[in-house]
Amino acid sequence: MAVTLFLIFAVDRLLARTKLLHTDVKFAKQLIQFVILSIGLIFVVFSLPIAAQYKESILSLLGIIAGAAVALSSTTFIANAMSGIMLRIIKPFRAGDYIESETIFGRVTDVHILHTEVQSIDRDLVTFPNLKLVSNPLKTIRTSGTIISTCVSLGYDVPRRKIEKSLLLAAEKIGLENPFVHVLELGDFSVTYKVGGLLKNIESLITTRSDFKKAVLDSLHEAGVEIVSPNFMNQRILKEGTVFIPPKEPLKVEVPQKPPEKKPEEIIFDKAIEAEILGKIELILSNLEEKEKDLKQQISSVPEQNRKAELSGKLEFLKIRKEEIKTGFETMKKQIEETEEIIEPEMRSRQLQSLNLKADHLDIRRKKLEKELKEILDNKNPEKV
């Protein structure tokens, strides 16, 4: 029993000190400790000062209990575990991505072997079994951009070209690329138009969708287009020439408003943004670790000693900065996982942004060193034409 407890404690300390750059260290630690505990329990039973037949009876009882537990929970447990493995293999999304599946919409904060954590547009953290994500169609909004659109129904008495011009103007006002207007339906009383365009910066997706609808409303009203169908006019008797456009507001001296310190998305998806930044820093650090050996070999092949010493100094600087960022990364990750409610969110956000900036600079320096080495080696070994 003492040996079992010692091994469990040793595994915990070992994984804590190695500072592994992996998202599943906590799960691996729990799995290893469970295996050690199970094996230790078997040895404890064998070491009991009782007859062999009683030991066999105890082990049989433990086996029956374990088998019953697995049988009762295997349907959902194994299904979710296999779904988690499938998600890790195909990688349909990663931390920070927007996903949508049936009633699910939000940004991914963490992906575990049994479940996935999503931050909703209400800022709540929602946990979904991996089986649900695998069993239903899943839409991942690409970081390179997405199409946002909205629909509006207008009467047949308004010229189509006039409507298209106003809708395209609304799309251009909010910065959508390649705007378009489609006619979706020719109804009994109105025509349904769909206007949309490509949004490159998905960080402001929620706000831009709202601003787009505002722009459509304002653009149609400015063009003198009523956003009502003839069916609306048939509900009551109106005077001839009555229109349903808000009256123009008197011009006022506009006082410049102080821009908000944070976008709504930064407040709504704070945990998802933190997970995305941590994943980006982890990728930068792992890329540098993978390429350190290649960079060292390339530097050793540089003929000029002075240039070689200079490049070696740059590589050594990258290593030192990498270790500093790695230490800060592990500290920040531990703070977020274990003491999230203790640290003030504003302070944690500033620390994370500072660490992200350092990681970006590290990545830029690494790329510059690779480019410099490539130019030197290309000049040393020119290709034969």
Protein backbone atom coordinates (compact mmCIF):
# COMPACT_ATOMS: atom_id res chain seq x y z
CA MET A 1 0.00 0.00 0.00
CA ALA A 2 2.88 2.34 0.87
CA VAL A 3 4.57 1.60 -2.46
CA THR A 4 1.33 2.28 -4.34
CA LEU A 5 0.81 5.65 -2.62
CA PHE A 6 4.46 6.55 -3.24
CA LEU A 7 4.18 5.75 -6.97
CA ILE A 8 0.99 7.83 -7.30
CA PHE A 9 2.69 10.78 -5.59
CA ALA A 10 5.86 10.32 -7.70
CA VAL A 11 3.90 10.37 -10.97
CA ASP A 12 2.13 13.55 -9.89
CA ARG A 13 5.41 15.30 -9.05
CA LEU A 14 7.18 14.03 -12.17
CA LEU A 15 4.53 15.32 -14.57
CA ALA A 16 4.37 18.62 -12.68
CA ARG A 17 8.13 19.18 -12.95
CA THR A 18 8.65 18.15 -16.56
CA LYS A 19 6.31 20.98 -17.73
CA LEU A 20 5.19 19.06 -20.78
CA LEU A 21 3.71 21.20 -23.56
CA HIS A 22 0.66 19.02 -24.07
CA THR A 23 -3.02 19.62 -23.50
CA ASP A 24 -3.70 16.11 -22.14
CA VAL A 25 -1.19 16.01 -19.26
CA LYS A 26 -3.95 16.12 -16.66
CA PHE A 27 -5.87 13.27 -18.31
CA ALA A 28 -2.67 11.21 -18.71
CA LYS A 29 -1.81 11.74 -15.05
CA GLN A 30 -5.24 10.59 -13.91
CA LEU A 31 -5.09 7.54 -16.20
CA ILE A 32 -1.61 6.50 -14.97
CA GLN A 33 -2.60 6.98 -11.33
CA PHE A 34 -5.73 4.87 -11.86
CA VAL A 35 -3.67 2.04 -13.40
CA ILE A 36 -1.13 2.19 -10.53
CA LEU A 37 -3.96 2.14 -7.98
CA SER A 38 -5.61 -0.86 -9.65
CA ILE A 39 -2.38 -2.87 -9.80
CA GLY A 40 -1.49 -1.83 -6.24
CA LEU A 41 -4.90 -3.00 -5.00
CA ILE A 42 -4.30 -6.44 -6.54
CA PHE A 43 -0.90 -6.73 -4.82
CA VAL A 44 -2.43 -5.62 -1.52
CA VAL A 45 -5.00 -8.42 -1.77
CA PHE A 46 -2.24 -10.96 -2.53
CA SER A 47 -0.22 -9.75 0.48
CA LEU A 48 -3.09 -10.15 2.96
CA PRO A 49 -2.39 -12.79 5.69
CA ILE A 50 -5.36 -14.96 4.70
CA ALA A 51 -5.88 -18.24 2.90
CA ALA A 52 -5.42 -18.38 -0.88
CA GLN A 53 -9.05 -19.31 -1.47
CA TYR A 54 -10.20 -16.13 0.30
CA LYS A 55 -7.82 -14.06 -1.79
CA GLU A 56 -9.28 -15.58 -4.95
CA SER A 57 -12.81 -14.85 -3.69
CA ILE A 58 -11.91 -11.19 -3.03
CA LEU A 59 -10.33 -10.80 -6.47
CA SER A 60 -13.35 -12.45 -8.09
CA LEU A 61 -15.65 -10.07 -6.25
CA LEU A 62 -13.59 -7.06 -7.36
CA GLY A 63 -13.64 -8.40 -10.94
CA ILE A 64 -17.43 -8.78 -10.85
CA ILE A 65 -17.85 -5.24 -9.50
CA ALA A 66 -15.48 -3.81 -12.13
CA GLY A 67 -17.18 -5.81 -14.90
CA ALA A 68 -20.64 -4.65 -13.82
CA ALA A 69 -19.49 -1.04 -13.66
CA VAL A 70 -18.00 -1.26 -17.16
CA ALA A 71 -21.08 -3.02 -18.53
CA LEU A 72 -23.46 -0.41 -17.10
CA SER A 73 -21.45 2.58 -18.25
CA SER A 74 -19.90 1.21 -21.43
CA THR A 75 -22.70 2.35 -23.73
CA THR A 76 -22.12 6.05 -23.17
CA PHE A 77 -18.57 5.96 -21.81
CA ILE A 78 -17.00 3.99 -24.64
CA ALA A 79 -19.12 5.74 -27.27
CA ASN A 80 -17.98 9.17 -26.04
CA ALA A 81 -14.36 7.98 -25.71
CA MET A 82 -14.35 6.65 -29.29
CA SER A 83 -15.99 9.88 -30.48
CA GLY A 84 -13.28 11.85 -28.68
CA ILE A 85 -10.57 9.80 -30.40
CA MET A 86 -12.31 10.36 -33.74
CA LEU A 87 -12.41 14.14 -33.16
CA ARG A 88 -8.69 14.12 -32.36
CA ILE A 89 -7.90 12.20 -35.56
CA ILE A 90 -9.97 14.22 -38.03
CA LYS A 91 -9.58 17.54 -36.10
CA PRO A 92 -12.71 19.31 -37.39
CA PHE A 93 -12.07 22.19 -34.98
CA ARG A 94 -9.65 23.45 -32.37
CA ALA A 95 -9.76 25.71 -29.33
CA GLY A 96 -11.07 29.17 -30.25
CA ASP A 97 -13.06 28.08 -33.34
CA TYR A 98 -16.74 28.89 -33.79
CA ILE A 99 -18.82 25.72 -34.15
CA GLU A 100 -22.52 25.13 -34.81
CA SER A 101 -24.46 21.86 -34.57
CA GLU A 102 -28.23 21.79 -34.02
CA THR A 103 -28.71 23.81 -30.79
CA ILE A 104 -24.95 24.30 -30.25
CA PHE A 105 -23.35 27.60 -31.20
CA GLY A 106 -20.29 29.19 -29.65
CA ARG A 107 -16.52 29.06 -29.45
CA VAL A 108 -14.60 25.98 -28.38
CA THR A 109 -12.65 26.38 -25.12
CA ASP A 110 -11.38 22.83 -24.58
CA VAL A 111 -11.55 19.38 -26.15
CA HIS A 112 -11.35 16.34 -23.84
CA ILE A 113 -11.49 12.62 -24.52
CA LEU A 114 -15.13 12.37 -23.33
CA HIS A 115 -16.57 15.84 -23.83
CA THR A 116 -16.02 19.22 -25.50
CA GLU A 117 -16.47 22.54 -23.73
CA VAL A 118 -18.09 25.39 -25.69
CA GLN A 119 -18.61 28.99 -24.59
CA SER A 120 -22.04 30.19 -25.72
CA ILE A 121 -23.01 33.70 -26.85
CA ASP A 122 -24.38 34.22 -23.31
CA ARG A 123 -20.80 33.72 -21.99
CA ASP A 124 -21.82 30.45 -20.31
CA LEU A 125 -19.62 27.36 -20.50
CA VAL A 126 -21.61 24.46 -21.96
CA THR A 127 -20.30 20.87 -21.91
CA PHE A 128 -21.33 18.58 -24.77
CA PRO A 129 -20.65 14.82 -24.98
CA ASN A 130 -18.36 14.05 -27.92
CA LEU A 131 -20.92 11.52 -29.18
CA LYS A 132 -23.38 14.36 -29.82
CA LEU A 133 -20.85 16.25 -31.93
CA VAL A 134 -19.94 13.17 -33.98
CA SER A 135 -23.54 11.96 -34.48
CA ASN A 136 -24.87 15.24 -35.87
CA PRO A 137 -23.74 17.49 -38.74
CA LEU A 138 -21.11 19.90 -37.42
CA LYS A 139 -20.30 23.28 -38.94
CA THR A 140 -16.97 24.93 -38.17
CA ILE A 141 -16.60 28.59 -39.09
CA ARG A 142 -13.26 28.97 -40.84
CA THR A 143 -10.73 31.43 -39.48
CA SER A 144 -10.04 32.62 -43.03
CA GLY A 145 -13.56 34.10 -43.19
CA THR A 146 -17.23 33.22 -43.43
CA ILE A 147 -20.32 34.36 -45.33
CA ILE A 148 -22.80 36.37 -43.29
CA SER A 149 -26.23 37.12 -44.71
CA THR A 150 -29.72 38.29 -43.85
CA CYS A 151 -33.12 38.12 -45.56
CA VAL A 152 -35.78 40.77 -46.09
CA SER A 153 -39.25 40.57 -47.70
CA LEU A 154 -40.37 43.53 -49.83
CA GLY A 155 -43.42 44.25 -51.99
CA TYR A 156 -43.70 43.75 -55.74
CA ASP A 157 -44.27 47.47 -56.20
CA VAL A 158 -40.62 48.30 -55.44
CA PRO A 159 -38.23 47.95 -58.43
CA ARG A 160 -35.81 45.04 -58.01
CA ARG A 161 -32.77 47.03 -59.20
CA LYS A 162 -33.43 49.72 -56.63
CA ILE A 163 -33.58 47.11 -53.85
CA GLU A 164 -30.41 45.37 -55.01
CA LYS A 165 -28.52 48.67 -55.09
CA SER A 166 -29.56 49.52 -51.53
CA LEU A 167 -28.76 46.03 -50.19
CA LEU A 168 -25.33 45.96 -51.83
CA LEU A 169 -24.61 49.40 -50.38
CA ALA A 170 -25.45 48.09 -46.89
CA ALA A 171 -23.05 45.16 -47.34
CA GLU A 172 -20.26 47.49 -48.48
CA LYS A 173 -20.80 49.85 -45.54
CA ILE A 174 -19.83 47.20 -42.98
CA GLY A 175 -16.86 45.99 -45.02
CA LEU A 176 -18.12 42.73 -46.51
CA GLU A 177 -16.14 41.47 -49.49
CA ASN A 178 -17.77 40.19 -52.70
CA PRO A 179 -21.33 41.19 -51.68
CA PHE A 180 -24.27 39.53 -53.43
CA VAL A 181 -28.08 39.69 -53.59
CA HIS A 182 -30.21 36.62 -54.31
CA VAL A 183 -33.97 36.34 -54.80
CA LEU A 184 -35.07 33.43 -52.60
CA GLU A 185 -38.83 33.38 -53.10
CA LEU A 186 -41.58 34.98 -55.13
CA GLY A 187 -44.39 34.88 -52.60
CA ASP A 188 -48.07 35.76 -52.92
CA PHE A 189 -47.58 39.21 -51.42
CA SER A 190 -43.82 39.86 -51.34
CA VAL A 191 -40.40 38.98 -52.72
CA THR A 192 -37.79 37.54 -50.35
CA TYR A 193 -34.26 38.85 -50.93
CA LYS A 194 -31.07 37.49 -49.41
CA VAL A 195 -28.05 39.78 -49.12
CA GLY A 196 -24.64 38.68 -47.90
CA GLY A 197 -20.88 38.86 -48.30
CA LEU A 198 -17.57 37.52 -47.06
CA LEU A 199 -16.47 38.56 -43.57
CA LYS A 200 -12.70 38.11 -43.20
CA ASN A 201 -12.38 39.09 -39.53
CA ILE A 202 -14.51 36.52 -37.70
CA GLU A 203 -13.37 37.80 -34.29
CA SER A 204 -16.25 40.31 -34.47
CA LEU A 205 -18.77 37.86 -35.95
CA ILE A 206 -21.63 38.49 -33.50
CA THR A 207 -21.35 42.28 -33.66
CA THR A 208 -21.00 42.35 -37.45
CA ARG A 209 -24.14 40.24 -37.91
CA SER A 210 -26.08 42.79 -35.88
CA ASP A 211 -24.46 45.77 -37.63
CA PHE A 212 -25.29 44.20 -40.99
CA LYS A 213 -29.01 44.08 -40.18
CA LYS A 214 -28.85 47.71 -38.99
CA ALA A 215 -27.13 48.74 -42.22
CA VAL A 216 -29.81 46.98 -44.33
CA LEU A 217 -32.55 48.73 -42.39
CA ASP A 218 -30.93 52.17 -42.71
CA SER A 219 -30.02 51.73 -46.37
CA LEU A 220 -33.56 50.78 -47.41
CA HIS A 221 -35.11 53.59 -45.42
CA GLU A 222 -32.67 56.12 -46.90
CA ALA A 223 -33.70 54.94 -50.37
CA GLY A 224 -37.37 55.44 -49.50
CA VAL A 225 -38.21 51.73 -49.49
CA GLU A 226 -40.88 50.50 -47.08
CA ILE A 227 -39.93 47.26 -45.38
CA VAL A 228 -43.50 45.96 -45.36
CA SER A 229 -45.43 43.75 -47.76
CA PRO A 230 -48.83 44.69 -49.25
CA ASN A 231 -50.34 42.15 -46.87
CA PHE A 232 -49.44 44.50 -44.03
CA MET A 233 -51.40 47.37 -45.62
CA ASN A 234 -54.51 45.23 -45.90
CA GLN A 235 -54.81 44.91 -42.14
CA ARG A 236 -56.15 48.42 -41.58
CA ILE A 237 -57.45 51.44 -43.49
CA LEU A 238 -54.73 53.98 -44.19
CA LYS A 239 -54.68 57.35 -45.81
CA GLU A 240 -53.35 57.50 -49.34
CA GLY A 241 -49.63 58.15 -49.45
CA THR A 242 -48.95 56.82 -45.95
CA VAL A 243 -45.49 55.33 -45.69
CA PHE A 244 -43.85 53.32 -42.94
CA ILE A 245 -40.44 54.93 -42.65
CA PRO A 246 -39.25 56.46 -39.39
CA PRO A 247 -39.24 60.27 -39.56
CA LYS A 248 -35.92 61.96 -40.08
CA GLU A 249 -34.30 63.04 -36.85
CA PRO A 250 -33.16 66.67 -36.52
CA LEU A 251 -29.47 67.22 -37.05
CA LYS A 252 -27.51 67.53 -33.82
CA VAL A 253 -23.93 68.35 -33.06
CA GLU A 254 -22.37 64.94 -32.69
CA VAL A 255 -20.26 64.53 -29.61
CA PRO A 256 -17.43 62.09 -30.26
CA GLN A 257 -18.05 59.01 -28.21
CA LYS A 258 -15.27 57.19 -26.46
CA PRO A 259 -14.80 53.83 -28.17
CA PRO A 260 -15.45 50.83 -25.92
CA GLU A 261 -12.37 49.32 -24.32
CA LYS A 262 -13.43 45.83 -25.38
CA LYS A 263 -15.53 44.36 -28.15
CA PRO A 264 -18.61 42.38 -27.08
CA GLU A 265 -16.98 39.19 -28.44
CA GLU A 266 -13.98 39.70 -26.14
CA ILE A 267 -16.31 39.66 -23.14
CA ILE A 268 -18.65 36.91 -24.39
CA PHE A 269 -15.94 34.48 -25.52
CA ASP A 270 -13.19 35.33 -23.02
CA LYS A 271 -12.40 31.72 -22.11
CA ALA A 272 -12.47 30.60 -25.74
CA ILE A 273 -10.07 33.42 -26.69
CA GLU A 274 -7.76 32.39 -23.85
CA ALA A 275 -7.80 28.78 -25.08
CA GLU A 276 -7.09 29.93 -28.65
CA ILE A 277 -4.12 32.07 -27.57
CA LEU A 278 -2.71 29.26 -25.40
CA GLY A 279 -3.01 26.86 -28.34
CA LYS A 280 -1.21 29.34 -30.61
CA ILE A 281 1.64 29.83 -28.10
CA GLU A 282 1.92 26.07 -27.64
CA LEU A 283 2.22 25.62 -31.41
CA ILE A 284 4.94 28.31 -31.69
CA LEU A 285 6.97 26.70 -28.90
CA SER A 286 6.62 23.18 -30.31
CA ASN A 287 7.60 24.39 -33.81
CA LEU A 288 10.77 25.97 -32.44
CA GLU A 289 11.63 22.84 -30.45
CA GLU A 290 11.21 20.69 -33.57
CA LYS A 291 13.39 22.96 -35.71
CA GLU A 292 16.18 23.65 -33.18
CA LYS A 293 18.19 20.62 -34.31
CA ASP A 294 17.87 21.50 -38.01
CA LEU A 295 18.86 25.11 -37.35
CA LYS A 296 21.91 23.97 -35.39
CA GLN A 297 23.00 21.66 -38.23
CA GLN A 298 22.52 24.41 -40.81
CA ILE A 299 24.58 26.86 -38.73
CA SER A 300 27.40 24.29 -38.39
CA SER A 301 27.63 24.12 -42.20
CA VAL A 302 28.22 27.89 -42.56
CA PRO A 303 31.83 28.36 -43.75
CA GLU A 304 32.58 31.79 -42.23
CA GLN A 305 33.49 31.54 -38.55
CA ASN A 306 32.37 35.06 -37.69
CA ARG A 307 29.01 34.53 -39.38
CA LYS A 308 28.66 31.14 -37.73
CA ALA A 309 29.28 32.67 -34.28
CA GLU A 310 26.74 35.39 -34.99
CA LEU A 311 24.08 32.89 -36.08
CA SER A 312 24.83 30.64 -33.10
CA GLY A 313 24.27 33.62 -30.82
CA LYS A 314 20.90 34.28 -32.44
CA LEU A 315 19.90 30.63 -31.99
CA GLU A 316 20.99 30.70 -28.35
CA PHE A 317 18.93 33.84 -27.83
CA LEU A 318 15.89 32.04 -29.29
CA LYS A 319 16.43 29.15 -26.88
CA ILE A 320 16.61 31.47 -23.87
CA ARG A 321 13.49 33.35 -24.93
CA LYS A 322 11.73 30.05 -25.61
CA GLU A 323 12.41 28.84 -22.06
CA GLU A 324 11.15 32.15 -20.62
CA ILE A 325 7.94 31.97 -22.63
CA LYS A 326 7.58 28.27 -21.85
CA THR A 327 7.77 29.00 -18.11
CA GLY A 328 5.22 31.79 -18.43
CA PHE A 329 3.02 29.56 -20.58
CA GLU A 330 2.97 26.77 -17.99
CA THR A 331 2.32 29.24 -15.17
CA MET A 332 -0.52 30.90 -17.06
CA LYS A 333 -2.05 27.56 -18.01
CA LYS A 334 -1.94 26.39 -14.41
CA GLN A 335 -3.52 29.64 -13.21
CA ILE A 336 -6.37 29.34 -15.71
CA GLU A 337 -7.04 25.68 -14.92
CA GLU A 338 -6.71 25.75 -11.12
CA THR A 339 -7.23 29.33 -9.91
CA GLU A 340 -9.46 30.87 -12.56
CA GLU A 341 -11.79 32.55 -10.09
CA ILE A 342 -8.99 33.87 -7.84
CA ILE A 343 -7.09 35.91 -10.43
CA GLU A 344 -8.79 39.05 -11.68
CA PRO A 345 -9.90 38.47 -15.32
CA GLU A 346 -8.48 41.82 -16.49
CA MET A 347 -5.07 41.05 -15.00
CA ARG A 348 -5.06 37.54 -16.45
CA SER A 349 -6.03 38.90 -19.87
CA ARG A 350 -3.19 41.44 -19.82
CA GLN A 351 -0.67 38.78 -18.79
CA LEU A 352 -1.86 36.46 -21.55
CA GLN A 353 -1.72 39.19 -24.21
CA SER A 354 1.82 40.08 -23.10
CA LEU A 355 2.86 36.43 -23.35
CA ASN A 356 1.20 36.15 -26.77
CA LEU A 357 3.14 39.21 -27.98
CA LYS A 358 6.43 37.68 -26.80
CA ALA A 359 5.58 34.42 -28.57
CA ASP A 360 4.82 36.31 -31.80
CA HIS A 361 8.19 38.07 -31.61
CA LEU A 362 9.88 34.72 -31.00
CA ASP A 363 8.19 33.22 -34.06
CA ILE A 364 9.20 36.21 -36.20
CA ARG A 365 12.85 35.93 -35.07
CA ARG A 366 12.83 32.20 -35.81
CA LYS A 367 11.52 32.78 -39.33
CA LYS A 368 14.10 35.51 -39.93
CA LEU A 369 16.89 33.17 -38.83
CA GLU A 370 15.59 30.44 -41.17
CA LYS A 371 15.45 32.90 -44.06
CA GLU A 372 18.96 34.18 -43.33
CA LEU A 373 20.35 30.65 -43.21
CA LYS A 374 18.59 29.74 -46.44
CA GLU A 375 20.14 32.72 -48.25
CA ILE A 376 23.62 31.88 -46.95
CA LEU A 377 23.38 28.20 -47.88
CA ASP A 378 21.89 28.99 -51.30
CA ASN A 379 24.82 31.32 -52.07
CA LYS A 380 27.24 28.66 -50.86
CA ASN A 381 25.68 25.95 -53.04
CA PRO A 382 24.20 27.67 -56.14
CA GLU A 383 22.00 25.44 -58.22
CA LYS A 384 23.25 24.49 -61.65
CA VAL A 385 21.18 25.92 -64.45
